[in-house]
Amino acid sequence: MIPFISMSIFAALGAVLRAVITDLKIFQQPDRSYGTFAVNATGSFLMGLAVTMIDQDSIYYFSVVFGFLGGFTTYSAFALDQLKLLEEKDYKGLIKHSFTALFFCLVALAAGLLTGVYAA
């Protein structure tokens, strides 16, 4: 029961941090949601660190990976951004946004993994 309570608390903290970051004035652009992009790329990097630096059998792994990072990153907001571009018939923007986000999240994950491996 304790791992689920811990995961829930960490998920709440991750969701609150995501909301704070995406609400920052620097990310408030009328044409794109740069906050979601920044949160997902940051979360990908942190995921790479977490899977290499936290023992996968510990409560901390469960709480950080599934709780905090699950609450922090958001595929649903990314999908909503894509839907907006599709509704606006901005196909070039849709393809650019989708592939850019996917690319940078994969690069951030790889960077986190490498950082974690070399730091451990």
N, C-alpha and C. Protein backbone atom coordinates (compact mmCIF):
# COMPACT_ATOMS: atom_id res chain seq x y z
N MET A 1 0.81 -1.20 0.00
CA MET A 1 0.00 0.00 0.00
C MET A 1 0.86 1.27 0.00
N ILE A 2 1.97 1.24 0.74
CA ILE A 2 2.86 2.40 0.84
C ILE A 2 3.39 2.83 -0.52
N PRO A 3 3.80 1.89 -1.41
CA PRO A 3 4.29 2.34 -2.72
C PRO A 3 3.24 3.14 -3.50
N PHE A 4 1.98 2.78 -3.39
CA PHE A 4 0.93 3.50 -4.11
C PHE A 4 0.68 4.88 -3.52
N ILE A 5 0.78 5.01 -2.23
CA ILE A 5 0.63 6.31 -1.59
C ILE A 5 1.79 7.20 -1.98
N SER A 6 3.00 6.65 -1.93
CA SER A 6 4.19 7.40 -2.33
C SER A 6 4.09 7.82 -3.79
N MET A 7 3.70 6.89 -4.66
CA MET A 7 3.57 7.21 -6.08
C MET A 7 2.54 8.31 -6.30
N SER A 8 1.45 8.28 -5.57
CA SER A 8 0.40 9.28 -5.69
C SER A 8 0.90 10.67 -5.28
N ILE A 9 1.65 10.73 -4.22
CA ILE A 9 2.20 12.00 -3.76
C ILE A 9 3.18 12.55 -4.78
N PHE A 10 4.07 11.68 -5.29
CA PHE A 10 5.03 12.12 -6.29
C PHE A 10 4.34 12.54 -7.59
N ALA A 11 3.28 11.83 -7.98
CA ALA A 11 2.54 12.18 -9.19
C ALA A 11 1.90 13.56 -9.04
N ALA A 12 1.36 13.83 -7.87
CA ALA A 12 0.76 15.14 -7.62
C ALA A 12 1.83 16.24 -7.72
N LEU A 13 2.99 15.99 -7.16
CA LEU A 13 4.07 16.98 -7.23
C LEU A 13 4.51 17.20 -8.68
N GLY A 14 4.62 16.13 -9.45
CA GLY A 14 4.99 16.26 -10.85
C GLY A 14 3.96 17.04 -11.65
N ALA A 15 2.68 16.78 -11.40
CA ALA A 15 1.61 17.49 -12.12
C ALA A 15 1.61 18.97 -11.77
N VAL A 16 1.83 19.29 -10.51
CA VAL A 16 1.87 20.70 -10.09
C VAL A 16 3.06 21.40 -10.74
N LEU A 17 4.22 20.76 -10.75
CA LEU A 17 5.40 21.36 -11.38
C LEU A 17 5.17 21.56 -12.87
N ARG A 18 4.54 20.59 -13.53
CA ARG A 18 4.22 20.74 -14.95
C ARG A 18 3.33 21.95 -15.17
N ALA A 19 2.32 22.12 -14.35
CA ALA A 19 1.40 23.25 -14.48
C ALA A 19 2.13 24.57 -14.28
N VAL A 20 3.01 24.62 -13.31
CA VAL A 20 3.78 25.84 -13.04
C VAL A 20 4.67 26.18 -14.24
N ILE A 21 5.36 25.19 -14.76
CA ILE A 21 6.27 25.42 -15.89
C ILE A 21 5.51 25.84 -17.14
N THR A 22 4.45 25.13 -17.48
CA THR A 22 3.71 25.48 -18.70
C THR A 22 2.99 26.81 -18.58
N ASP A 23 2.80 27.28 -17.35
CA ASP A 23 2.14 28.56 -17.14
C ASP A 23 3.13 29.73 -17.14
N LEU A 24 4.43 29.45 -17.23
CA LEU A 24 5.42 30.52 -17.24
C LEU A 24 5.22 31.41 -18.46
N LYS A 25 5.41 32.69 -18.28
CA LYS A 25 5.19 33.66 -19.35
C LYS A 25 6.06 33.37 -20.58
N ILE A 26 7.26 32.87 -20.37
CA ILE A 26 8.16 32.59 -21.48
C ILE A 26 7.57 31.56 -22.45
N PHE A 27 6.71 30.68 -21.95
CA PHE A 27 6.11 29.63 -22.78
C PHE A 27 4.75 30.01 -23.34
N GLN A 28 4.26 31.17 -23.02
CA GLN A 28 2.93 31.59 -23.48
C GLN A 28 3.02 32.20 -24.88
N GLN A 29 2.95 31.36 -25.87
CA GLN A 29 2.97 31.78 -27.26
C GLN A 29 1.62 31.43 -27.88
N PRO A 30 1.06 32.31 -28.67
CA PRO A 30 -0.27 32.02 -29.22
C PRO A 30 -0.29 30.89 -30.25
N ASP A 31 0.83 30.65 -30.91
CA ASP A 31 0.82 29.68 -32.01
C ASP A 31 1.25 28.27 -31.60
N ARG A 32 2.04 28.11 -30.54
CA ARG A 32 2.53 26.79 -30.14
C ARG A 32 2.59 26.68 -28.62
N SER A 33 2.55 25.44 -28.15
CA SER A 33 2.65 25.19 -26.72
C SER A 33 4.08 24.74 -26.40
N TYR A 34 4.94 25.71 -26.21
CA TYR A 34 6.34 25.40 -25.93
C TYR A 34 6.52 24.85 -24.52
N GLY A 35 5.60 25.13 -23.64
CA GLY A 35 5.68 24.60 -22.28
C GLY A 35 5.59 23.09 -22.26
N THR A 36 4.65 22.54 -23.01
CA THR A 36 4.50 21.09 -23.10
C THR A 36 5.76 20.46 -23.68
N PHE A 37 6.30 21.10 -24.71
CA PHE A 37 7.53 20.61 -25.34
C PHE A 37 8.67 20.61 -24.32
N ALA A 38 8.84 21.70 -23.58
CA ALA A 38 9.91 21.80 -22.60
C ALA A 38 9.75 20.78 -21.48
N VAL A 39 8.54 20.60 -21.01
CA VAL A 39 8.28 19.65 -19.93
C VAL A 39 8.57 18.23 -20.40
N ASN A 40 8.13 17.87 -21.59
CA ASN A 40 8.34 16.51 -22.08
C ASN A 40 9.81 16.22 -22.35
N ALA A 41 10.54 17.18 -22.88
CA ALA A 41 11.98 16.99 -23.12
C ALA A 41 12.72 16.87 -21.78
N THR A 42 12.39 17.73 -20.84
CA THR A 42 13.01 17.67 -19.51
C THR A 42 12.68 16.35 -18.82
N GLY A 43 11.43 15.95 -18.91
CA GLY A 43 11.01 14.69 -18.31
C GLY A 43 11.71 13.49 -18.94
N SER A 44 11.96 13.56 -20.25
CA SER A 44 12.68 12.48 -20.93
C SER A 44 14.11 12.38 -20.40
N PHE A 45 14.76 13.53 -20.22
CA PHE A 45 16.11 13.53 -19.67
C PHE A 45 16.11 12.95 -18.25
N LEU A 46 15.17 13.40 -17.44
CA LEU A 46 15.08 12.90 -16.06
C LEU A 46 14.76 11.41 -16.01
N MET A 47 13.98 10.93 -16.98
CA MET A 47 13.68 9.50 -17.06
C MET A 47 14.97 8.72 -17.31
N GLY A 48 15.79 9.22 -18.22
CA GLY A 48 17.07 8.57 -18.48
C GLY A 48 17.94 8.50 -17.23
N LEU A 49 17.97 9.59 -16.49
CA LEU A 49 18.73 9.60 -15.23
C LEU A 49 18.15 8.60 -14.24
N ALA A 50 16.84 8.63 -14.10
CA ALA A 50 16.18 7.80 -13.09
C ALA A 50 16.39 6.31 -13.33
N VAL A 51 16.26 5.87 -14.58
CA VAL A 51 16.38 4.43 -14.82
C VAL A 51 17.80 3.92 -14.67
N THR A 52 18.77 4.82 -14.74
CA THR A 52 20.16 4.38 -14.56
C THR A 52 20.66 4.58 -13.14
N MET A 53 20.07 5.47 -12.39
CA MET A 53 20.62 5.81 -11.09
C MET A 53 19.81 5.32 -9.89
N ILE A 54 18.57 4.89 -10.12
CA ILE A 54 17.73 4.43 -9.01
C ILE A 54 17.52 2.93 -9.15
N ASP A 55 17.73 2.22 -8.07
CA ASP A 55 17.52 0.77 -8.05
C ASP A 55 16.07 0.47 -8.43
N GLN A 56 15.91 -0.35 -9.47
CA GLN A 56 14.57 -0.61 -10.00
C GLN A 56 13.67 -1.41 -9.07
N ASP A 57 14.22 -1.96 -8.02
CA ASP A 57 13.40 -2.69 -7.05
C ASP A 57 13.03 -1.84 -5.84
N SER A 58 13.40 -0.56 -5.87
CA SER A 58 13.13 0.29 -4.70
C SER A 58 11.83 1.07 -4.86
N ILE A 59 11.32 1.53 -3.75
CA ILE A 59 10.12 2.36 -3.74
C ILE A 59 10.39 3.70 -4.44
N TYR A 60 11.65 4.13 -4.40
CA TYR A 60 12.00 5.40 -5.03
C TYR A 60 11.86 5.34 -6.54
N TYR A 61 12.24 4.21 -7.12
CA TYR A 61 12.11 4.04 -8.57
C TYR A 61 10.63 4.14 -8.97
N PHE A 62 9.81 3.39 -8.29
CA PHE A 62 8.36 3.38 -8.54
C PHE A 62 7.77 4.79 -8.39
N SER A 63 8.18 5.47 -7.32
CA SER A 63 7.65 6.80 -7.04
C SER A 63 8.12 7.85 -8.03
N VAL A 64 9.40 7.79 -8.41
CA VAL A 64 9.96 8.79 -9.32
C VAL A 64 9.53 8.53 -10.76
N VAL A 65 9.72 7.29 -11.23
CA VAL A 65 9.44 6.99 -12.63
C VAL A 65 7.95 7.01 -12.94
N PHE A 66 7.18 6.27 -12.18
CA PHE A 66 5.74 6.20 -12.46
C PHE A 66 4.96 7.34 -11.82
N GLY A 67 5.42 7.79 -10.67
CA GLY A 67 4.71 8.87 -9.98
C GLY A 67 5.09 10.23 -10.51
N PHE A 68 6.27 10.71 -10.09
CA PHE A 68 6.67 12.08 -10.44
C PHE A 68 6.74 12.30 -11.95
N LEU A 69 7.50 11.46 -12.65
CA LEU A 69 7.67 11.68 -14.09
C LEU A 69 6.39 11.38 -14.87
N GLY A 70 5.59 10.45 -14.37
CA GLY A 70 4.28 10.19 -15.00
C GLY A 70 3.35 11.39 -14.86
N GLY A 71 3.41 12.05 -13.70
CA GLY A 71 2.59 13.24 -13.49
C GLY A 71 3.18 14.47 -14.16
N PHE A 72 4.50 14.50 -14.29
CA PHE A 72 5.19 15.66 -14.85
C PHE A 72 5.06 15.73 -16.37
N THR A 73 5.36 14.64 -17.05
CA THR A 73 5.28 14.64 -18.52
C THR A 73 3.84 14.41 -18.95
N THR A 74 3.55 14.77 -20.19
CA THR A 74 2.17 14.68 -20.60
C THR A 74 2.03 14.42 -22.10
N TYR A 75 1.68 13.20 -22.42
CA TYR A 75 1.42 12.89 -23.82
C TYR A 75 0.08 13.47 -24.26
N SER A 76 -0.87 13.53 -23.36
CA SER A 76 -2.21 14.02 -23.73
C SER A 76 -2.17 15.48 -24.18
N ALA A 77 -1.38 16.31 -23.51
CA ALA A 77 -1.26 17.71 -23.93
C ALA A 77 -0.54 17.80 -25.27
N PHE A 78 0.45 16.95 -25.49
CA PHE A 78 1.14 16.89 -26.77
C PHE A 78 0.16 16.51 -27.88
N ALA A 79 -0.68 15.52 -27.62
CA ALA A 79 -1.68 15.09 -28.61
C ALA A 79 -2.69 16.21 -28.88
N LEU A 80 -3.05 16.96 -27.85
CA LEU A 80 -3.98 18.08 -28.04
C LEU A 80 -3.35 19.16 -28.91
N ASP A 81 -2.08 19.42 -28.71
CA ASP A 81 -1.37 20.38 -29.56
C ASP A 81 -1.40 19.93 -31.02
N GLN A 82 -1.20 18.63 -31.23
CA GLN A 82 -1.24 18.08 -32.58
C GLN A 82 -2.63 18.22 -33.19
N LEU A 83 -3.65 17.96 -32.38
CA LEU A 83 -5.03 18.08 -32.87
C LEU A 83 -5.35 19.51 -33.28
N LYS A 84 -4.90 20.49 -32.50
CA LYS A 84 -5.11 21.89 -32.86
C LYS A 84 -4.51 22.22 -34.21
N LEU A 85 -3.30 21.74 -34.45
CA LEU A 85 -2.63 21.99 -35.73
C LEU A 85 -3.39 21.29 -36.87
N LEU A 86 -3.89 20.12 -36.60
CA LEU A 86 -4.67 19.39 -37.61
C LEU A 86 -5.97 20.13 -37.93
N GLU A 87 -6.65 20.61 -36.88
CA GLU A 87 -7.89 21.36 -37.09
C GLU A 87 -7.65 22.65 -37.85
N GLU A 88 -6.50 23.27 -37.64
CA GLU A 88 -6.15 24.50 -38.35
C GLU A 88 -5.63 24.21 -39.76
N LYS A 89 -5.56 22.93 -40.10
CA LYS A 89 -5.04 22.49 -41.39
C LYS A 89 -3.61 22.96 -41.63
N ASP A 90 -2.86 23.07 -40.53
CA ASP A 90 -1.45 23.44 -40.60
C ASP A 90 -0.63 22.15 -40.63
N TYR A 91 -0.68 21.48 -41.77
CA TYR A 91 -0.04 20.17 -41.89
C TYR A 91 1.48 20.25 -41.77
N LYS A 92 2.05 21.30 -42.31
CA LYS A 92 3.49 21.49 -42.21
C LYS A 92 3.88 21.69 -40.74
N GLY A 93 3.12 22.51 -40.03
CA GLY A 93 3.38 22.73 -38.61
C GLY A 93 3.17 21.46 -37.79
N LEU A 94 2.16 20.67 -38.15
CA LEU A 94 1.89 19.41 -37.46
C LEU A 94 3.06 18.44 -37.59
N ILE A 95 3.55 18.28 -38.80
CA ILE A 95 4.67 17.37 -39.04
C ILE A 95 5.93 17.90 -38.34
N LYS A 96 6.18 19.19 -38.47
CA LYS A 96 7.36 19.79 -37.84
C LYS A 96 7.30 19.65 -36.32
N HIS A 97 6.16 19.99 -35.74
CA HIS A 97 5.99 19.92 -34.28
C HIS A 97 6.13 18.48 -33.79
N SER A 98 5.49 17.56 -34.47
CA SER A 98 5.50 16.16 -34.04
C SER A 98 6.91 15.56 -34.09
N PHE A 99 7.58 15.73 -35.22
CA PHE A 99 8.91 15.14 -35.35
C PHE A 99 9.95 15.86 -34.50
N THR A 100 9.82 17.16 -34.34
CA THR A 100 10.75 17.90 -33.49
C THR A 100 10.62 17.44 -32.04
N ALA A 101 9.38 17.33 -31.57
CA ALA A 101 9.16 16.89 -30.19
C ALA A 101 9.68 15.47 -29.98
N LEU A 102 9.36 14.58 -30.89
CA LEU A 102 9.83 13.20 -30.77
C LEU A 102 11.35 13.14 -30.79
N PHE A 103 11.96 13.85 -31.71
CA PHE A 103 13.42 13.85 -31.82
C PHE A 103 14.07 14.35 -30.53
N PHE A 104 13.63 15.52 -30.05
CA PHE A 104 14.26 16.09 -28.87
C PHE A 104 14.00 15.27 -27.61
N CYS A 105 12.85 14.64 -27.52
CA CYS A 105 12.59 13.78 -26.36
C CYS A 105 13.48 12.55 -26.39
N LEU A 106 13.70 11.98 -27.57
CA LEU A 106 14.61 10.83 -27.66
C LEU A 106 16.05 11.24 -27.37
N VAL A 107 16.46 12.40 -27.87
CA VAL A 107 17.82 12.89 -27.60
C VAL A 107 17.98 13.16 -26.10
N ALA A 108 16.96 13.77 -25.50
CA ALA A 108 17.02 14.07 -24.06
C ALA A 108 17.07 12.78 -23.24
N LEU A 109 16.30 11.77 -23.64
CA LEU A 109 16.33 10.49 -22.94
C LEU A 109 17.72 9.86 -23.05
N ALA A 110 18.28 9.87 -24.26
CA ALA A 110 19.63 9.31 -24.45
C ALA A 110 20.65 10.08 -23.62
N ALA A 111 20.53 11.40 -23.58
CA ALA A 111 21.46 12.21 -22.78
C ALA A 111 21.32 11.88 -21.30
N GLY A 112 20.10 11.69 -20.84
CA GLY A 112 19.89 11.31 -19.45
C GLY A 112 20.46 9.95 -19.13
N LEU A 113 20.27 9.00 -20.05
CA LEU A 113 20.84 7.66 -19.86
C LEU A 113 22.36 7.71 -19.79
N LEU A 114 22.96 8.43 -20.72
CA LEU A 114 24.42 8.54 -20.74
C LEU A 114 24.94 9.26 -19.50
N THR A 115 24.28 10.31 -19.10
CA THR A 115 24.67 11.04 -17.88
C THR A 115 24.57 10.13 -16.66
N GLY A 116 23.49 9.39 -16.58
CA GLY A 116 23.30 8.49 -15.46
C GLY A 116 24.32 7.38 -15.42
N VAL A 117 24.65 6.82 -16.57
CA VAL A 117 25.64 5.75 -16.63
C VAL A 117 27.02 6.27 -16.22
N TYR A 118 27.39 7.43 -16.72
CA TYR A 118 28.71 7.97 -16.38
C TYR A 118 28.78 8.53 -14.97
N ALA A 119 27.66 8.95 -14.43
CA ALA A 119 27.64 9.49 -13.07
C ALA A 119 27.65 8.38 -12.01
N ALA A 120 27.14 7.21 -12.40
CA ALA A 120 27.03 6.11 -11.43
C ALA A 120 28.34 5.41 -11.18
